[in-house]
Protein backbone atom coordinates (compact mmCIF):
# COMPACT_ATOMS: atom_id res chain seq x y z
CA MET A 1 -21.39 -94.87 -8.86
CA THR A 2 -21.44 -91.32 -9.74
CA SER A 3 -19.16 -89.01 -7.73
CA THR A 4 -20.65 -86.00 -6.01
CA ASP A 5 -17.88 -83.85 -7.94
CA THR A 6 -18.97 -84.79 -11.26
CA LEU A 7 -22.86 -85.44 -11.30
CA PRO A 8 -23.94 -82.34 -13.09
CA GLY A 9 -26.71 -80.22 -11.16
CA ASP A 10 -24.69 -81.45 -7.82
CA ARG A 11 -21.28 -80.10 -7.14
CA ALA A 12 -19.63 -78.91 -4.56
CA GLY A 13 -19.77 -74.97 -4.33
CA GLN A 14 -22.83 -74.82 -6.87
CA ILE A 15 -26.06 -73.44 -5.92
CA GLU A 16 -28.56 -76.66 -4.93
CA GLN A 17 -30.93 -77.46 -7.81
CA ARG A 18 -33.19 -79.86 -6.09
CA GLY A 19 -35.97 -78.74 -3.63
CA ILE A 20 -38.99 -81.18 -2.26
CA GLU A 21 -39.70 -82.22 -5.52
CA PHE A 22 -38.74 -86.03 -7.18
CA VAL A 23 -35.32 -86.62 -7.55
CA PRO A 24 -34.64 -88.86 -10.72
CA ASP A 25 -33.25 -92.34 -10.24
CA ALA A 26 -30.40 -90.72 -12.51
CA GLU A 27 -29.52 -88.21 -10.14
CA ARG A 28 -29.22 -90.44 -6.98
CA HIS A 29 -25.70 -91.61 -6.30
CA GLY A 30 -23.62 -91.95 -3.32
CA ARG A 31 -22.62 -94.74 -0.65
CA PRO A 32 -24.03 -95.57 2.61
CA ARG A 33 -20.84 -94.53 4.75
CA GLU A 34 -20.27 -91.30 3.02
CA LEU A 35 -23.54 -90.42 5.44
CA PHE A 36 -21.26 -90.52 8.55
CA ALA A 37 -19.53 -87.59 8.12
CA LEU A 38 -22.88 -85.73 7.12
CA TRP A 39 -24.62 -87.22 10.41
CA ALA A 40 -21.31 -87.05 12.49
CA ALA A 41 -20.67 -82.96 12.09
CA PRO A 42 -24.34 -82.03 13.14
CA ASN A 43 -24.49 -84.32 16.07
CA VAL A 44 -20.89 -83.91 17.92
CA SER A 45 -22.16 -80.33 19.34
CA TYR A 46 -22.33 -78.71 22.95
CA VAL A 47 -25.69 -80.43 23.49
CA SER A 48 -24.51 -83.73 24.43
CA LEU A 49 -22.35 -82.16 27.20
CA THR A 50 -25.51 -80.07 28.21
CA LEU A 51 -27.99 -83.53 28.29
CA GLY A 52 -25.23 -85.20 30.16
CA GLY A 53 -25.23 -82.30 32.95
CA MET A 54 -28.83 -82.50 32.89
CA LEU A 55 -29.59 -86.08 33.51
CA THR A 56 -27.45 -85.63 36.70
CA GLY A 57 -27.30 -81.68 38.09
CA LEU A 58 -30.99 -81.33 37.20
CA LEU A 59 -33.20 -84.17 37.05
CA GLY A 60 -30.59 -85.70 39.93
CA LEU A 61 -29.97 -89.42 38.44
CA SER A 62 -26.72 -90.83 39.63
CA TRP A 63 -24.20 -90.73 36.70
CA GLN A 64 -24.84 -94.79 36.22
CA SER A 65 -28.32 -94.01 35.52
CA GLY A 66 -27.54 -91.53 33.20
CA LEU A 67 -25.17 -93.58 31.16
CA VAL A 68 -27.97 -96.46 30.67
CA ILE A 69 -30.73 -93.37 29.58
CA THR A 70 -28.47 -92.13 27.45
CA VAL A 71 -28.14 -95.57 25.26
CA LEU A 72 -31.91 -96.34 25.84
CA GLY A 73 -32.39 -92.82 24.29
CA ASN A 74 -30.12 -93.46 21.34
CA LEU A 75 -31.83 -96.96 20.41
CA PHE A 76 -34.22 -94.79 18.88
CA TRP A 77 -31.98 -94.17 16.11
CA VAL A 78 -32.75 -97.42 14.80
CA LEU A 79 -36.49 -96.18 14.21
CA ILE A 80 -34.95 -93.37 12.49
CA GLY A 81 -32.96 -95.70 10.23
CA ILE A 82 -36.16 -97.28 9.49
CA LEU A 83 -38.11 -94.54 8.38
CA ALA A 84 -35.44 -93.12 6.27
CA VAL A 85 -35.92 -96.18 3.90
CA SER A 86 -39.13 -94.08 2.64
CA GLY A 87 -36.97 -91.25 1.56
CA THR A 88 -35.03 -93.35 -0.73
CA SER A 89 -37.76 -95.50 -2.02
CA SER A 90 -40.05 -92.56 -3.14
CA GLY A 91 -37.27 -90.20 -4.21
CA THR A 92 -38.55 -87.27 -1.97
CA PRO A 93 -37.58 -85.50 1.41
CA SER A 94 -39.48 -86.69 4.40
CA GLU A 95 -41.35 -83.38 4.59
CA VAL A 96 -43.11 -85.00 1.92
CA VAL A 97 -43.15 -88.62 2.41
CA SER A 98 -45.36 -87.63 5.60
CA ARG A 99 -48.06 -87.12 3.58
CA THR A 100 -48.69 -90.47 3.47
CA MET A 101 -49.02 -90.91 6.78
CA PHE A 102 -50.47 -87.55 7.76
CA GLY A 103 -52.41 -86.47 4.50
CA VAL A 104 -51.87 -83.39 2.58
CA ARG A 105 -53.50 -80.82 4.92
CA GLY A 106 -52.38 -82.82 8.76
CA ASN A 107 -49.28 -82.66 7.03
CA ARG A 108 -49.09 -78.95 6.79
CA VAL A 109 -49.67 -78.71 10.67
CA ASN A 110 -47.19 -81.15 11.24
CA ILE A 111 -44.40 -79.81 9.38
CA ALA A 112 -45.75 -76.41 10.70
CA VAL A 113 -44.96 -77.65 14.51
CA THR A 114 -42.10 -79.74 13.80
CA GLY A 115 -40.70 -77.44 11.28
CA TRP A 116 -41.25 -74.62 13.84
CA LEU A 117 -39.49 -76.29 16.43
CA LEU A 118 -36.65 -77.70 14.75
CA CYS A 119 -35.54 -74.73 12.17
CA VAL A 120 -36.36 -72.20 14.70
CA SER A 121 -36.28 -72.81 18.39
CA TYR A 122 -33.37 -75.62 17.82
CA ILE A 123 -31.58 -73.64 15.51
CA ALA A 124 -31.97 -70.65 17.28
CA LEU A 125 -30.07 -72.42 20.44
CA ASN A 126 -27.21 -73.32 18.06
CA LEU A 127 -26.75 -69.99 16.72
CA ALA A 128 -26.60 -68.70 20.29
CA ALA A 129 -24.20 -71.09 21.30
CA ALA A 130 -21.87 -70.55 18.32
CA ALA A 131 -22.24 -66.73 19.08
CA LEU A 132 -21.23 -67.21 22.79
CA ALA A 133 -18.20 -69.45 21.62
CA ALA A 134 -17.06 -66.82 18.75
CA PHE A 135 -17.34 -63.98 21.78
CA ALA A 136 -15.40 -66.06 24.05
CA LEU A 137 -12.64 -67.24 21.23
CA SER A 138 -12.55 -63.31 20.49
CA GLY A 139 -11.43 -62.82 24.07
CA VAL A 140 -8.64 -65.18 23.87
CA LEU A 141 -7.35 -63.86 20.82
CA GLY A 142 -6.92 -60.45 22.32
CA TRP A 143 -9.70 -58.78 20.99
CA GLU A 144 -12.93 -57.91 23.21
CA PRO A 145 -15.80 -57.42 20.67
CA GLY A 146 -18.25 -54.54 22.05
CA THR A 147 -21.80 -54.42 21.24
CA ALA A 148 -20.99 -53.70 17.57
CA GLY A 149 -18.48 -56.08 17.14
CA GLN A 150 -20.78 -59.12 19.03
CA VAL A 151 -23.63 -57.91 16.14
CA VAL A 152 -21.07 -58.28 13.13
CA LEU A 153 -20.14 -61.71 14.81
CA VAL A 154 -23.82 -62.95 14.67
CA ILE A 155 -24.24 -61.83 11.36
CA VAL A 156 -21.50 -63.68 10.13
CA ILE A 157 -22.24 -66.82 11.82
CA ALA A 158 -25.76 -66.66 10.30
CA ALA A 159 -24.66 -65.55 6.92
CA VAL A 160 -22.58 -68.91 6.62
CA THR A 161 -25.09 -70.98 7.88
CA LEU A 162 -27.48 -69.87 5.43
CA ALA A 163 -24.79 -70.18 2.53
CA LEU A 164 -24.16 -73.39 3.28
CA SER A 165 -27.66 -74.08 3.11
CA VAL A 166 -28.04 -72.48 -0.56
CA TYR A 167 -25.27 -74.34 -1.67
CA GLY A 168 -26.74 -77.68 -0.38
CA HIS A 169 -26.34 -81.18 -0.76
CA ALA A 170 -22.86 -81.50 -2.28
CA THR A 171 -20.95 -78.84 -0.81
CA ILE A 172 -22.52 -79.67 2.87
CA THR A 173 -21.18 -83.14 2.16
CA ARG A 174 -17.66 -81.91 1.18
CA LEU A 175 -17.29 -80.05 3.87
CA TYR A 176 -18.70 -82.23 7.00
CA GLN A 177 -15.87 -84.37 6.04
CA PRO A 178 -12.99 -82.31 7.60
CA PHE A 179 -15.93 -80.61 10.46
CA SER A 180 -16.26 -84.29 11.44
CA ALA A 181 -12.72 -84.73 11.87
CA ILE A 182 -12.07 -81.53 13.65
CA LEU A 183 -14.88 -82.13 15.79
CA ALA A 184 -14.05 -85.82 16.91
CA ALA A 185 -10.66 -84.47 17.94
CA ALA A 186 -11.83 -81.66 19.75
CA PHE A 187 -14.42 -83.79 21.92
CA ALA A 188 -12.09 -86.50 21.93
CA ILE A 189 -9.76 -84.20 23.85
CA LEU A 190 -12.81 -82.62 25.90
CA GLY A 191 -13.63 -86.28 27.02
CA GLY A 192 -10.28 -87.18 28.37
CA PHE A 193 -10.54 -83.70 29.83
CA VAL A 194 -14.00 -84.50 31.67
CA VAL A 195 -13.15 -88.03 32.52
CA ALA A 196 -9.84 -87.32 34.33
CA HIS A 197 -11.56 -84.79 36.58
CA THR A 198 -14.65 -86.59 37.17
CA ASN A 199 -15.69 -87.66 40.97
CA TRP A 200 -16.76 -91.30 40.15
CA ASP A 201 -17.72 -91.62 44.05
CA TRP A 202 -20.32 -88.71 43.68
CA ARG A 203 -24.25 -89.50 44.58
CA PRO A 204 -27.14 -87.07 44.25
CA ALA A 205 -28.09 -85.98 47.66
CA GLU A 206 -31.05 -87.06 47.46
CA GLN A 207 -31.90 -90.39 46.36
CA LEU A 208 -35.27 -90.81 43.69
CA SER A 209 -38.02 -93.33 44.15
CA GLY A 210 -41.32 -94.12 43.07
CA SER A 211 -43.19 -92.35 40.62
CA ALA A 212 -40.28 -89.49 40.69
CA LEU A 213 -37.76 -91.75 39.64
CA THR A 214 -40.12 -93.07 37.06
CA ALA A 215 -40.49 -89.34 35.82
CA ALA A 216 -37.06 -88.64 36.03
CA TRP A 217 -36.39 -91.71 33.92
CA MET A 218 -38.96 -90.89 31.40
CA ALA A 219 -37.45 -87.07 31.03
CA GLY A 220 -34.24 -88.33 30.14
CA ILE A 221 -35.12 -91.07 27.67
CA ALA A 222 -37.20 -88.26 25.97
CA SER A 223 -34.22 -85.57 25.59
CA CYS A 224 -31.74 -87.97 24.59
CA ARG A 225 -33.43 -89.20 21.97
CA PRO A 226 -33.23 -88.54 18.31
CA GLY A 227 -34.19 -84.81 17.88
CA SER A 228 -35.91 -85.41 14.65
CA THR A 229 -36.84 -87.98 12.44
CA ARG A 230 -35.78 -86.69 8.89
CA SER A 231 -35.26 -88.97 6.49
CA SER A 232 -31.91 -89.49 4.42
CA CYS A 233 -31.45 -87.02 1.34
CA SER A 234 -32.81 -88.71 -1.53
CA ARG A 235 -29.73 -88.26 -3.61
CA TRP A 236 -27.86 -90.52 -1.50
CA CYS A 237 -29.17 -93.87 -3.12
CA SER A 238 -27.21 -96.46 -3.60
CA GLY A 239 -28.91 -98.82 -5.39
């Protein structure tokens, strides 16, 4: 098995050489366990806290129902795993593989919709949250950024995000390992704090029933399911 650091054209710190074109078998490498950090880092985020609060605070469900909904919603990852097999078999990204399902023209509509929602809306929300976190952290460190300072911070965050995408797979793989460890530790501490201060006797002011309860469950499962159906990167073929 060829290492990420030694494979020509796919080294940490080097600009990504591949796009949506076919990736030859000789350039595919890696092991399934290496995908753990690649998926863990972007999924350990503030969104989990937001969705959890939404299930109880917005939809009016009990925390027990919210826990069950979270488990059911995440079971959809099984379908994501099945779909991801097509990427390793075809040697192309999911945006190209989906042409077999929607056709070339139909796939343009599919990518326009899902691409906009994922790459514009969702990423914009993440950048906004990162900017707010940077503003708060600056205050903790003793610097209160004015409008100009906030603009600079936003530009820096956006530039770093763009740079990671340009340098691509090997660089992201290398950086996501420590990122995953740091984020996991931070969320473990935060999780302990939340559990320690949880009111386990809390109940919604009004118990949902009938169609309202069904609608709340459906909305909760839809919100907690995986946000995208991207196939695994075709470089990560282990056989």
